[in-house]
Amino acid sequence: MGALQSLPGRPEYSDLAEKTGFSFEQIGVLHKRFKQLSHNEETLRRDHFNEIHDLAFNPIRTQIIEAFFDRRNFHQDGEGKVQEIGFEEFVVVMSHFRPPSVHMTEEQREKTRREKLRFLFNMHDTDNDGTITLEEYRHVVEELLSRSGTLEKETAKCIADAAMLEVASISVGHMEPDEFYEGITFEHFLKLLDGFEIESRMTIRFLNMDTTTLCK
């Protein structure tokens, strides 16, 4: 599904470049990685990702892999999971990890930020019910802080714990005894991470490719 047969730089890649912000050259790099990862097959399956050494010890490895097979991340307004993806879906999902271009307008930057946060939210909203738990929110904060490179993991964990408790005191503390806490919605998630620099922290490494380099 979505596999592209042409070589990077051909007109067939124009739509993909426009949709993702990647240049033809960057799509060429991604095409090589896709073929390497899929063993020259036309589609990728979950078991292909199990061979990626850089993901082996990532604390959210499962969420990252599942994100590639989640229809919500294909820019097609779909839901549910797929069993395999083609090159086009692979590139679209990879674009969520791409740092914003320095040439972006403020409006474009804000749109990119919202898309990244939606992607991050979807990674933890595994049952697609539109909410994440307080514990899942804590994991989000801890992961983002750990990627800053300026905090020790234990420090990041302590800050994440405090953030979770703060949200709990606000969200749950004002509830009546017979009310049920339904979790954090995406709109609430946006407000909680307002002012949190996320754009440059949503990066991944695999097959010796660093997504921080995939920026115009």
N, C-alpha and C. Protein backbone atom coordinates (compact mmCIF):
# COMPACT_ATOMS: atom_id res chain seq x y z
N MET A 1 0.84 -1.19 0.00
CA MET A 1 0.00 0.00 0.00
C MET A 1 0.87 1.24 0.00
N GLY A 2 0.59 2.13 -0.94
CA GLY A 2 1.31 3.39 -0.95
C GLY A 2 2.73 3.30 -1.44
N ALA A 3 3.15 2.13 -1.96
CA ALA A 3 4.54 1.98 -2.41
C ALA A 3 4.75 2.81 -3.67
N LEU A 4 5.89 3.44 -3.77
CA LEU A 4 6.21 4.26 -4.93
C LEU A 4 7.30 3.58 -5.72
N GLN A 5 7.09 3.48 -7.02
CA GLN A 5 8.01 2.73 -7.85
C GLN A 5 9.10 3.61 -8.45
N SER A 6 8.86 4.91 -8.59
CA SER A 6 9.80 5.78 -9.30
C SER A 6 11.01 6.14 -8.45
N LEU A 7 12.00 6.67 -9.10
CA LEU A 7 13.20 7.10 -8.40
C LEU A 7 12.98 8.49 -7.82
N PRO A 8 13.59 8.79 -6.64
CA PRO A 8 13.47 10.12 -6.06
C PRO A 8 13.92 11.20 -7.04
N GLY A 9 13.19 12.30 -7.08
CA GLY A 9 13.51 13.37 -7.98
C GLY A 9 12.57 13.42 -9.18
N ARG A 10 11.83 12.33 -9.39
CA ARG A 10 10.86 12.27 -10.47
C ARG A 10 9.59 13.00 -10.06
N PRO A 11 8.76 13.42 -11.03
CA PRO A 11 7.52 14.16 -10.72
C PRO A 11 6.59 13.42 -9.76
N GLU A 12 6.64 12.07 -9.76
CA GLU A 12 5.75 11.30 -8.90
C GLU A 12 5.97 11.61 -7.42
N TYR A 13 7.12 12.18 -7.10
CA TYR A 13 7.44 12.47 -5.71
C TYR A 13 7.05 13.89 -5.29
N SER A 14 6.53 14.66 -6.22
CA SER A 14 6.19 16.05 -5.91
C SER A 14 5.14 16.14 -4.81
N ASP A 15 4.07 15.33 -4.92
CA ASP A 15 3.01 15.36 -3.92
C ASP A 15 3.54 14.96 -2.55
N LEU A 16 4.41 13.96 -2.52
CA LEU A 16 4.96 13.49 -1.26
C LEU A 16 5.86 14.55 -0.63
N ALA A 17 6.63 15.24 -1.46
CA ALA A 17 7.50 16.31 -0.96
C ALA A 17 6.66 17.46 -0.40
N GLU A 18 5.57 17.78 -1.09
CA GLU A 18 4.71 18.86 -0.64
C GLU A 18 3.99 18.49 0.66
N LYS A 19 3.58 17.23 0.77
CA LYS A 19 2.83 16.77 1.94
C LYS A 19 3.71 16.71 3.19
N THR A 20 4.98 16.36 3.01
CA THR A 20 5.85 16.12 4.17
C THR A 20 6.86 17.22 4.46
N GLY A 21 7.17 18.06 3.44
CA GLY A 21 8.20 19.08 3.64
C GLY A 21 9.59 18.59 3.33
N PHE A 22 9.74 17.31 2.99
CA PHE A 22 11.04 16.76 2.63
C PHE A 22 11.40 17.17 1.20
N SER A 23 12.69 17.40 0.96
CA SER A 23 13.17 17.66 -0.40
C SER A 23 13.29 16.33 -1.14
N PHE A 24 13.46 16.37 -2.46
CA PHE A 24 13.66 15.15 -3.24
C PHE A 24 14.90 14.39 -2.75
N GLU A 25 15.92 15.15 -2.41
CA GLU A 25 17.16 14.51 -1.93
C GLU A 25 16.91 13.77 -0.62
N GLN A 26 16.15 14.38 0.28
CA GLN A 26 15.85 13.73 1.56
C GLN A 26 14.96 12.51 1.36
N ILE A 27 14.01 12.61 0.42
CA ILE A 27 13.17 11.47 0.11
C ILE A 27 14.02 10.33 -0.46
N GLY A 28 15.06 10.70 -1.20
CA GLY A 28 15.99 9.69 -1.71
C GLY A 28 16.69 8.95 -0.60
N VAL A 29 17.12 9.68 0.42
CA VAL A 29 17.77 9.07 1.58
C VAL A 29 16.80 8.13 2.29
N LEU A 30 15.57 8.61 2.48
CA LEU A 30 14.55 7.79 3.14
C LEU A 30 14.22 6.55 2.32
N HIS A 31 14.24 6.68 1.01
CA HIS A 31 13.95 5.53 0.14
C HIS A 31 15.01 4.44 0.33
N LYS A 32 16.26 4.83 0.42
CA LYS A 32 17.35 3.86 0.66
C LYS A 32 17.16 3.17 2.00
N ARG A 33 16.79 3.96 3.04
CA ARG A 33 16.59 3.38 4.37
C ARG A 33 15.40 2.42 4.36
N PHE A 34 14.34 2.81 3.63
CA PHE A 34 13.15 1.96 3.55
C PHE A 34 13.51 0.62 2.91
N LYS A 35 14.25 0.65 1.81
CA LYS A 35 14.64 -0.58 1.12
C LYS A 35 15.56 -1.43 1.99
N GLN A 36 16.43 -0.75 2.73
CA GLN A 36 17.34 -1.47 3.62
C GLN A 36 16.57 -2.16 4.73
N LEU A 37 15.61 -1.43 5.29
CA LEU A 37 14.83 -1.96 6.40
C LEU A 37 13.88 -3.07 5.96
N SER A 38 13.31 -2.93 4.77
CA SER A 38 12.33 -3.91 4.28
C SER A 38 12.97 -5.06 3.53
N HIS A 39 14.31 -5.06 3.43
CA HIS A 39 15.04 -6.07 2.66
C HIS A 39 14.56 -6.09 1.21
N ASN A 40 14.41 -4.86 0.66
CA ASN A 40 14.03 -4.65 -0.74
C ASN A 40 12.60 -5.10 -1.06
N GLU A 41 11.79 -5.28 -0.05
CA GLU A 41 10.37 -5.55 -0.29
C GLU A 41 9.63 -4.23 -0.49
N GLU A 42 8.39 -4.31 -0.97
CA GLU A 42 7.61 -3.11 -1.25
C GLU A 42 6.90 -2.57 -0.01
N THR A 43 6.84 -3.36 1.05
CA THR A 43 6.15 -2.94 2.27
C THR A 43 6.98 -3.27 3.51
N LEU A 44 6.67 -2.57 4.58
CA LEU A 44 7.29 -2.81 5.88
C LEU A 44 6.28 -3.44 6.83
N ARG A 45 6.73 -4.38 7.63
CA ARG A 45 5.92 -4.99 8.68
C ARG A 45 6.56 -4.71 10.03
N ARG A 46 5.83 -4.97 11.09
CA ARG A 46 6.35 -4.72 12.44
C ARG A 46 7.63 -5.47 12.72
N ASP A 47 7.73 -6.70 12.21
CA ASP A 47 8.92 -7.51 12.49
C ASP A 47 10.18 -6.90 11.88
N HIS A 48 10.02 -6.10 10.82
CA HIS A 48 11.19 -5.42 10.25
C HIS A 48 11.78 -4.44 11.26
N PHE A 49 10.92 -3.79 12.04
CA PHE A 49 11.39 -2.81 13.02
C PHE A 49 12.09 -3.48 14.20
N ASN A 50 11.83 -4.76 14.42
CA ASN A 50 12.49 -5.47 15.52
C ASN A 50 13.99 -5.62 15.29
N GLU A 51 14.42 -5.39 14.05
CA GLU A 51 15.84 -5.53 13.71
C GLU A 51 16.62 -4.24 13.93
N ILE A 52 15.93 -3.17 14.33
CA ILE A 52 16.59 -1.87 14.49
C ILE A 52 17.26 -1.79 15.86
N HIS A 53 18.57 -1.77 15.86
CA HIS A 53 19.33 -1.77 17.11
C HIS A 53 19.04 -0.53 17.95
N ASP A 54 18.94 0.64 17.29
CA ASP A 54 18.76 1.89 18.02
C ASP A 54 17.43 1.97 18.76
N LEU A 55 16.46 1.15 18.34
CA LEU A 55 15.16 1.16 19.00
C LEU A 55 15.06 0.13 20.12
N ALA A 56 16.01 -0.79 20.17
CA ALA A 56 15.92 -1.93 21.07
C ALA A 56 15.72 -1.53 22.53
N PHE A 57 16.39 -0.47 22.97
CA PHE A 57 16.33 -0.08 24.38
C PHE A 57 15.59 1.23 24.60
N ASN A 58 14.88 1.69 23.59
CA ASN A 58 14.10 2.91 23.74
C ASN A 58 12.90 2.63 24.63
N PRO A 59 12.67 3.43 25.67
CA PRO A 59 11.56 3.17 26.61
C PRO A 59 10.18 3.22 25.97
N ILE A 60 10.04 3.90 24.83
CA ILE A 60 8.74 3.93 24.16
C ILE A 60 8.85 3.26 22.79
N ARG A 61 9.68 2.25 22.73
CA ARG A 61 9.90 1.51 21.48
C ARG A 61 8.60 1.01 20.87
N THR A 62 7.75 0.40 21.69
CA THR A 62 6.49 -0.15 21.19
C THR A 62 5.61 0.93 20.59
N GLN A 63 5.52 2.08 21.29
CA GLN A 63 4.69 3.19 20.79
C GLN A 63 5.22 3.73 19.47
N ILE A 64 6.56 3.83 19.34
CA ILE A 64 7.15 4.33 18.11
C ILE A 64 6.84 3.40 16.94
N ILE A 65 7.01 2.10 17.16
CA ILE A 65 6.74 1.14 16.08
C ILE A 65 5.27 1.18 15.69
N GLU A 66 4.38 1.17 16.69
CA GLU A 66 2.95 1.18 16.40
C GLU A 66 2.52 2.44 15.66
N ALA A 67 3.24 3.55 15.90
CA ALA A 67 2.90 4.81 15.24
C ALA A 67 3.00 4.69 13.72
N PHE A 68 3.89 3.84 13.24
CA PHE A 68 4.06 3.66 11.80
C PHE A 68 2.91 2.88 11.17
N PHE A 69 2.11 2.21 11.99
CA PHE A 69 1.02 1.39 11.48
C PHE A 69 -0.36 1.91 11.91
N ASP A 70 -0.37 3.14 12.38
CA ASP A 70 -1.59 3.78 12.86
C ASP A 70 -2.13 4.70 11.76
N ARG A 71 -3.33 4.41 11.26
CA ARG A 71 -3.91 5.20 10.16
C ARG A 71 -4.07 6.68 10.52
N ARG A 72 -4.18 6.99 11.80
CA ARG A 72 -4.33 8.39 12.22
C ARG A 72 -3.12 9.22 11.85
N ASN A 73 -1.99 8.59 11.61
CA ASN A 73 -0.75 9.30 11.32
C ASN A 73 -0.43 9.41 9.84
N PHE A 74 -1.36 8.99 8.96
CA PHE A 74 -1.09 8.99 7.53
C PHE A 74 -1.62 10.23 6.81
N HIS A 75 -2.14 11.20 7.55
CA HIS A 75 -2.72 12.41 6.94
C HIS A 75 -3.89 12.06 6.03
N GLN A 76 -4.66 11.02 6.40
CA GLN A 76 -5.78 10.59 5.56
C GLN A 76 -7.08 10.50 6.35
N ASP A 77 -7.09 11.00 7.58
CA ASP A 77 -8.29 10.97 8.43
C ASP A 77 -8.81 9.56 8.65
N GLY A 78 -7.92 8.59 8.70
CA GLY A 78 -8.33 7.21 8.95
C GLY A 78 -8.15 6.83 10.40
N GLU A 79 -8.68 5.67 10.77
CA GLU A 79 -8.54 5.14 12.12
C GLU A 79 -8.19 3.67 12.04
N GLY A 80 -7.69 3.15 13.15
CA GLY A 80 -7.34 1.74 13.20
C GLY A 80 -5.90 1.50 12.79
N LYS A 81 -5.49 0.23 12.85
CA LYS A 81 -4.13 -0.16 12.54
C LYS A 81 -4.07 -0.96 11.24
N VAL A 82 -2.91 -0.93 10.60
CA VAL A 82 -2.66 -1.74 9.41
C VAL A 82 -1.55 -2.72 9.74
N GLN A 83 -1.43 -3.75 8.92
CA GLN A 83 -0.42 -4.79 9.15
C GLN A 83 0.89 -4.48 8.44
N GLU A 84 0.83 -3.64 7.39
CA GLU A 84 2.04 -3.28 6.67
C GLU A 84 1.86 -1.91 6.05
N ILE A 85 2.97 -1.27 5.75
CA ILE A 85 2.93 0.07 5.15
C ILE A 85 3.87 0.12 3.95
N GLY A 86 3.53 1.01 3.01
CA GLY A 86 4.39 1.25 1.87
C GLY A 86 5.31 2.43 2.13
N PHE A 87 6.08 2.78 1.10
CA PHE A 87 7.05 3.86 1.26
C PHE A 87 6.38 5.20 1.58
N GLU A 88 5.25 5.47 0.94
CA GLU A 88 4.58 6.75 1.16
C GLU A 88 4.17 6.93 2.62
N GLU A 89 3.56 5.90 3.20
CA GLU A 89 3.16 5.98 4.62
C GLU A 89 4.38 6.13 5.51
N PHE A 90 5.45 5.42 5.16
CA PHE A 90 6.70 5.50 5.93
C PHE A 90 7.22 6.93 5.97
N VAL A 91 7.24 7.60 4.82
CA VAL A 91 7.75 8.97 4.75
C VAL A 91 6.84 9.93 5.51
N VAL A 92 5.54 9.76 5.37
CA VAL A 92 4.60 10.64 6.07
C VAL A 92 4.78 10.54 7.58
N VAL A 93 4.92 9.33 8.10
CA VAL A 93 5.14 9.17 9.54
C VAL A 93 6.49 9.74 9.95
N MET A 94 7.51 9.52 9.14
CA MET A 94 8.83 10.07 9.45
C MET A 94 8.80 11.59 9.52
N SER A 95 7.92 12.22 8.75
CA SER A 95 7.87 13.68 8.73
C SER A 95 7.47 14.26 10.08
N HIS A 96 6.80 13.47 10.91
CA HIS A 96 6.42 13.95 12.25
C HIS A 96 7.66 14.14 13.14
N PHE A 97 8.74 13.45 12.81
CA PHE A 97 9.97 13.55 13.60
C PHE A 97 10.94 14.58 13.02
N ARG A 98 10.56 15.21 11.93
CA ARG A 98 11.44 16.15 11.26
C ARG A 98 11.40 17.51 11.96
N PRO A 99 12.56 18.08 12.31
CA PRO A 99 12.58 19.41 12.94
C PRO A 99 12.00 20.45 11.99
N PRO A 100 11.38 21.50 12.51
CA PRO A 100 10.81 22.54 11.64
C PRO A 100 11.90 23.30 10.91
N SER A 101 11.58 23.73 9.71
CA SER A 101 12.52 24.51 8.92
C SER A 101 12.68 25.91 9.52
N VAL A 102 13.87 26.45 9.43
CA VAL A 102 14.12 27.81 9.94
C VAL A 102 13.39 28.85 9.10
N HIS A 103 12.92 28.44 7.92
CA HIS A 103 12.26 29.37 7.02
C HIS A 103 10.74 29.40 7.22
N MET A 104 10.25 28.64 8.18
CA MET A 104 8.81 28.60 8.42
C MET A 104 8.28 29.92 8.96
N THR A 105 7.04 30.23 8.57
CA THR A 105 6.36 31.38 9.17
C THR A 105 5.86 30.96 10.55
N GLU A 106 5.43 31.93 11.33
CA GLU A 106 4.92 31.63 12.66
C GLU A 106 3.68 30.74 12.57
N GLU A 107 2.85 31.00 11.57
CA GLU A 107 1.64 30.19 11.39
C GLU A 107 1.99 28.75 11.04
N GLN A 108 2.97 28.58 10.15
CA GLN A 108 3.40 27.24 9.78
C GLN A 108 4.03 26.51 10.96
N ARG A 109 4.80 27.25 11.76
CA ARG A 109 5.44 26.65 12.93
C ARG A 109 4.41 26.17 13.95
N GLU A 110 3.36 26.96 14.14
CA GLU A 110 2.31 26.59 15.07
C GLU A 110 1.54 25.37 14.57
N LYS A 111 1.30 25.32 13.26
CA LYS A 111 0.62 24.17 12.66
C LYS A 111 1.45 22.91 12.83
N THR A 112 2.77 23.05 12.62
CA THR A 112 3.67 21.91 12.77
C THR A 112 3.70 21.44 14.22
N ARG A 113 3.73 22.38 15.14
CA ARG A 113 3.74 22.03 16.56
C ARG A 113 2.48 21.25 16.93
N ARG A 114 1.33 21.71 16.46
CA ARG A 114 0.08 21.03 16.78
C ARG A 114 0.07 19.61 16.19
N GLU A 115 0.57 19.47 14.96
CA GLU A 115 0.62 18.15 14.33
C GLU A 115 1.54 17.21 15.10
N LYS A 116 2.68 17.73 15.58
CA LYS A 116 3.60 16.91 16.35
C LYS A 116 2.97 16.48 17.68
N LEU A 117 2.27 17.41 18.32
CA LEU A 117 1.63 17.08 19.59
C LEU A 117 0.49 16.08 19.37
N ARG A 118 -0.24 16.22 18.28
CA ARG A 118 -1.29 15.25 17.97
C ARG A 118 -0.69 13.87 17.74
N PHE A 119 0.44 13.83 17.02
CA PHE A 119 1.13 12.57 16.78
C PHE A 119 1.59 11.95 18.10
N LEU A 120 2.17 12.77 18.97
CA LEU A 120 2.64 12.31 20.26
C LEU A 120 1.47 11.82 21.11
N PHE A 121 0.37 12.53 21.07
CA PHE A 121 -0.83 12.14 21.81
C PHE A 121 -1.34 10.79 21.30
N ASN A 122 -1.40 10.64 19.98
CA ASN A 122 -1.88 9.39 19.40
C ASN A 122 -1.01 8.20 19.80
N MET A 123 0.29 8.44 19.94
CA MET A 123 1.20 7.36 20.33
C MET A 123 0.81 6.76 21.68
N HIS A 124 0.27 7.60 22.57
CA HIS A 124 -0.08 7.13 23.90
C HIS A 124 -1.58 6.84 24.05
N ASP A 125 -2.38 7.36 23.12
CA ASP A 125 -3.80 7.03 23.11
C ASP A 125 -3.98 5.75 22.31
N THR A 126 -3.51 4.64 22.85
CA THR A 126 -3.43 3.39 22.11
C THR A 126 -4.79 2.78 21.80
N ASP A 127 -5.79 3.08 22.63
CA ASP A 127 -7.11 2.51 22.37
C ASP A 127 -8.00 3.47 21.57
N ASN A 128 -7.44 4.61 21.16
CA ASN A 128 -8.13 5.57 20.31
C ASN A 128 -9.46 6.03 20.91
N ASP A 129 -9.46 6.28 22.23
CA ASP A 129 -10.69 6.77 22.86
C ASP A 129 -10.66 8.28 23.08
N GLY A 130 -9.59 8.94 22.57
CA GLY A 130 -9.51 10.40 22.67
C GLY A 130 -8.95 10.92 23.97
N THR A 131 -8.43 10.03 24.82
CA THR A 131 -7.84 10.46 26.10
C THR A 131 -6.59 9.64 26.40
N ILE A 132 -5.72 10.22 27.23
CA ILE A 132 -4.59 9.47 27.78
C ILE A 132 -4.65 9.57 29.29
N THR A 133 -4.03 8.63 29.97
CA THR A 133 -4.06 8.60 31.43
C THR A 133 -3.00 9.54 32.01
N LEU A 134 -3.09 9.80 33.30
CA LEU A 134 -2.09 10.61 33.97
C LEU A 134 -0.71 9.96 33.87
N GLU A 135 -0.66 8.64 34.00
CA GLU A 135 0.62 7.93 33.92
C GLU A 135 1.22 8.06 32.52
N GLU A 136 0.39 7.99 31.49
CA GLU A 136 0.88 8.15 30.13
C GLU A 136 1.39 9.57 29.91
N TYR A 137 0.71 10.54 30.49
CA TYR A 137 1.18 11.93 30.40
C TYR A 137 2.55 12.07 31.06
N ARG A 138 2.73 11.42 32.21
CA ARG A 138 4.02 11.45 32.90
C ARG A 138 5.12 10.90 32.00
N HIS A 139 4.82 9.82 31.28
CA HIS A 139 5.80 9.22 30.37
C HIS A 139 6.16 10.17 29.23
N VAL A 140 5.17 10.90 28.72
CA VAL A 140 5.41 11.88 27.66
C VAL A 140 6.40 12.94 28.13
N VAL A 141 6.13 13.52 29.31
CA VAL A 141 6.98 14.58 29.85
C VAL A 141 8.38 14.05 30.12
N GLU A 142 8.48 12.87 30.71
CA GLU A 142 9.79 12.29 31.02
C GLU A 142 10.61 12.05 29.75
N GLU A 143 9.95 11.52 28.72
CA GLU A 143 10.65 11.24 27.47
C GLU A 143 11.14 12.53 26.82
N LEU A 144 10.31 13.56 26.79
CA LEU A 144 10.71 14.82 26.18
C LEU A 144 11.84 15.48 26.94
N LEU A 145 11.78 15.44 28.26
CA LEU A 145 12.84 16.03 29.07
C LEU A 145 14.15 15.26 28.92
N SER A 146 14.07 13.94 28.85
CA SER A 146 15.26 13.12 28.70
C SER A 146 15.98 13.42 27.40
N ARG A 147 15.21 13.79 26.37
CA ARG A 147 15.79 14.06 25.06
C ARG A 147 16.43 15.44 24.97
N SER A 148 16.25 16.25 26.00
CA SER A 148 16.82 17.60 25.95
C SER A 148 18.34 17.56 26.02
N GLY A 149 18.87 16.48 26.63
CA GLY A 149 20.31 16.34 26.72
C GLY A 149 20.94 17.14 27.84
N THR A 150 20.15 17.92 28.57
CA THR A 150 20.69 18.76 29.65
C THR A 150 20.30 18.23 31.03
N LEU A 151 19.44 17.21 31.07
CA LEU A 151 18.98 16.69 32.35
C LEU A 151 19.33 15.21 32.48
N GLU A 152 19.72 14.84 33.69
CA GLU A 152 19.91 13.43 33.97
C GLU A 152 18.54 12.75 33.93
N LYS A 153 18.53 11.45 33.63
CA LYS A 153 17.26 10.73 33.50
C LYS A 153 16.48 10.76 34.80
N GLU A 154 17.18 10.65 35.94
CA GLU A 154 16.48 10.64 37.23
C GLU A 154 15.85 12.00 37.50
N THR A 155 16.54 13.07 37.11
CA THR A 155 15.98 14.41 37.27
C THR A 155 14.75 14.58 36.40
N ALA A 156 14.83 14.11 35.16
CA ALA A 156 13.69 14.19 34.25
C ALA A 156 12.51 13.41 34.83
N LYS A 157 12.79 12.26 35.44
CA LYS A 157 11.72 11.45 36.03
C LYS A 157 11.05 12.19 37.18
N CYS A 158 11.83 12.87 38.01
CA CYS A 158 11.28 13.61 39.14
C CYS A 158 10.39 14.76 38.66
N ILE A 159 10.84 15.46 37.63
CA ILE A 159 10.05 16.57 37.09
C ILE A 159 8.76 16.03 36.48
N ALA A 160 8.86 14.90 35.78
CA ALA A 160 7.67 14.29 35.18
C ALA A 160 6.68 13.85 36.25
N ASP A 161 7.19 13.30 37.34
CA ASP A 161 6.32 12.91 38.46
C ASP A 161 5.59 14.12 39.02
N ALA A 162 6.33 15.22 39.18
CA ALA A 162 5.73 16.44 39.72
C ALA A 162 4.67 16.98 38.76
N ALA A 163 4.96 16.91 37.45
CA ALA A 163 4.00 17.38 36.45
C ALA A 163 2.72 16.56 36.50
N MET A 164 2.87 15.25 36.67
CA MET A 164 1.70 14.38 36.74
C MET A 164 0.86 14.70 37.98
N LEU A 165 1.54 14.90 39.10
CA LEU A 165 0.82 15.20 40.34
C LEU A 165 0.10 16.54 40.25
N GLU A 166 0.74 17.50 39.56
CA GLU A 166 0.11 18.81 39.40
C GLU A 166 -1.16 18.70 38.58
N VAL A 167 -1.09 17.94 37.49
CA VAL A 167 -2.28 17.74 36.66
C VAL A 167 -3.35 17.00 37.45
N ALA A 168 -2.94 16.02 38.23
CA ALA A 168 -3.90 15.25 39.03
C ALA A 168 -4.61 16.14 40.03
N SER A 169 -3.86 17.04 40.67
CA SER A 169 -4.46 17.91 41.68
C SER A 169 -5.46 18.87 41.06
N ILE A 170 -5.18 19.28 39.81
CA ILE A 170 -6.09 20.21 39.13
C ILE A 170 -7.29 19.46 38.56
N SER A 171 -7.00 18.33 37.89
CA SER A 171 -8.05 17.61 37.18
C SER A 171 -8.94 16.79 38.12
N VAL A 172 -8.30 16.07 39.01
CA VAL A 172 -9.03 15.15 39.88
C VAL A 172 -9.45 15.83 41.18
N GLY A 173 -8.64 16.79 41.62
CA GLY A 173 -8.90 17.41 42.91
C GLY A 173 -10.20 18.18 42.99
N HIS A 174 -10.71 18.63 41.82
CA HIS A 174 -11.93 19.41 41.82
C HIS A 174 -13.16 18.57 41.46
N MET A 175 -13.01 17.27 41.46
CA MET A 175 -14.11 16.40 41.11
C MET A 175 -14.94 16.03 42.32
N GLU A 176 -16.19 15.77 42.07
CA GLU A 176 -17.08 15.28 43.12
C GLU A 176 -16.77 13.81 43.37
N PRO A 177 -17.07 13.30 44.57
CA PRO A 177 -16.74 11.91 44.91
C PRO A 177 -17.34 10.88 43.95
N ASP A 178 -18.50 11.19 43.35
CA ASP A 178 -19.14 10.21 42.48
C ASP A 178 -18.79 10.39 41.01
N GLU A 179 -17.89 11.35 40.71
CA GLU A 179 -17.47 11.58 39.34
C GLU A 179 -16.36 10.61 38.96
N PHE A 180 -16.30 10.28 37.66
CA PHE A 180 -15.27 9.39 37.14
C PHE A 180 -14.27 10.18 36.31
N TYR A 181 -12.98 10.01 36.62
CA TYR A 181 -11.94 10.74 35.87
C TYR A 181 -11.74 10.06 34.52
N GLU A 182 -12.02 10.79 33.45
CA GLU A 182 -12.00 10.21 32.12
C GLU A 182 -10.66 10.34 31.42
N GLY A 183 -9.70 11.03 32.01
CA GLY A 183 -8.39 11.15 31.40
C GLY A 183 -8.16 12.51 30.75
N ILE A 184 -7.00 12.66 30.12
CA ILE A 184 -6.58 13.92 29.52
C ILE A 184 -6.94 13.92 28.04
N THR A 185 -7.72 14.90 27.62
CA THR A 185 -8.09 15.02 26.21
C THR A 185 -6.96 15.72 25.44
N PHE A 186 -7.06 15.71 24.11
CA PHE A 186 -6.02 16.36 23.31
C PHE A 186 -5.98 17.86 23.57
N GLU A 187 -7.13 18.51 23.68
CA GLU A 187 -7.16 19.95 23.94
C GLU A 187 -6.52 20.27 25.29
N HIS A 188 -6.78 19.43 26.28
CA HIS A 188 -6.15 19.60 27.59
C HIS A 188 -4.64 19.39 27.47
N PHE A 189 -4.27 18.38 26.68
CA PHE A 189 -2.86 18.04 26.43
C PHE A 189 -2.13 19.24 25.83
N LEU A 190 -2.76 19.92 24.87
CA LEU A 190 -2.18 21.10 24.25
C LEU A 190 -1.90 22.18 25.28
N LYS A 191 -2.86 22.41 26.17
CA LYS A 191 -2.71 23.45 27.19
C LYS A 191 -1.60 23.09 28.18
N LEU A 192 -1.53 21.82 28.53
CA LEU A 192 -0.53 21.38 29.50
C LEU A 192 0.89 21.56 28.97
N LEU A 193 1.07 21.38 27.66
CA LEU A 193 2.41 21.49 27.07
C LEU A 193 2.63 22.83 26.39
N ASP A 194 1.77 23.80 26.66
CA ASP A 194 1.93 25.13 26.10
C ASP A 194 3.25 25.73 26.60
N GLY A 195 4.06 26.19 25.68
CA GLY A 195 5.35 26.77 26.06
C GLY A 195 6.46 25.74 26.20
N PHE A 196 6.12 24.47 26.09
CA PHE A 196 7.12 23.40 26.17
C PHE A 196 7.74 23.22 24.80
N GLU A 197 9.06 23.42 24.70
CA GLU A 197 9.76 23.32 23.41
C GLU A 197 9.82 21.85 23.01
N ILE A 198 9.01 21.51 22.01
CA ILE A 198 8.90 20.11 21.62
C ILE A 198 9.49 19.82 20.25
N GLU A 199 9.52 20.83 19.37
CA GLU A 199 9.84 20.60 17.98
C GLU A 199 11.16 19.89 17.75
N SER A 200 12.21 20.31 18.45
CA SER A 200 13.54 19.73 18.21
C SER A 200 13.77 18.47 19.02
N ARG A 201 12.83 18.11 19.91
CA ARG A 201 13.03 16.94 20.75
C ARG A 201 12.38 15.69 20.19
N MET A 202 11.46 15.87 19.26
CA MET A 202 10.81 14.71 18.66
C MET A 202 11.65 14.20 17.51
N THR A 203 12.74 13.51 17.84
CA THR A 203 13.62 12.94 16.83
C THR A 203 13.87 11.48 17.18
N ILE A 204 14.18 10.69 16.18
CA ILE A 204 14.53 9.30 16.41
C ILE A 204 15.72 8.95 15.55
N ARG A 205 16.41 7.89 15.93
CA ARG A 205 17.54 7.40 15.16
C ARG A 205 17.31 5.94 14.83
N PHE A 206 17.51 5.58 13.58
CA PHE A 206 17.56 4.18 13.23
C PHE A 206 18.26 4.02 11.88
N LEU A 207 18.86 2.86 11.69
CA LEU A 207 19.63 2.58 10.48
C LEU A 207 20.66 3.66 10.20
N ASN A 208 21.28 4.16 11.28
CA ASN A 208 22.32 5.19 11.18
C ASN A 208 21.82 6.48 10.56
N MET A 209 20.53 6.75 10.69
CA MET A 209 19.95 7.99 10.16
C MET A 209 19.39 8.80 11.31
N ASP A 210 19.80 10.05 11.40
CA ASP A 210 19.34 10.95 12.45
C ASP A 210 18.34 11.91 11.84
N THR A 211 17.10 11.93 12.38
CA THR A 211 16.08 12.77 11.78
C THR A 211 16.35 14.26 11.99
N THR A 212 17.28 14.62 12.86
CA THR A 212 17.60 16.04 13.04
C THR A 212 18.30 16.60 11.81
N THR A 213 18.83 15.71 10.95
CA THR A 213 19.49 16.17 9.73
C THR A 213 18.51 16.35 8.58
N LEU A 214 17.27 15.89 8.77
CA LEU A 214 16.28 15.97 7.70
C LEU A 214 15.51 17.27 7.76
N CYS A 215 16.22 18.35 7.66
CA CYS A 215 15.61 19.69 7.73
C CYS A 215 16.24 20.56 6.68
N LYS A 216 15.42 21.29 5.94
CA LYS A 216 15.94 22.17 4.89
C LYS A 216 16.73 23.31 5.50
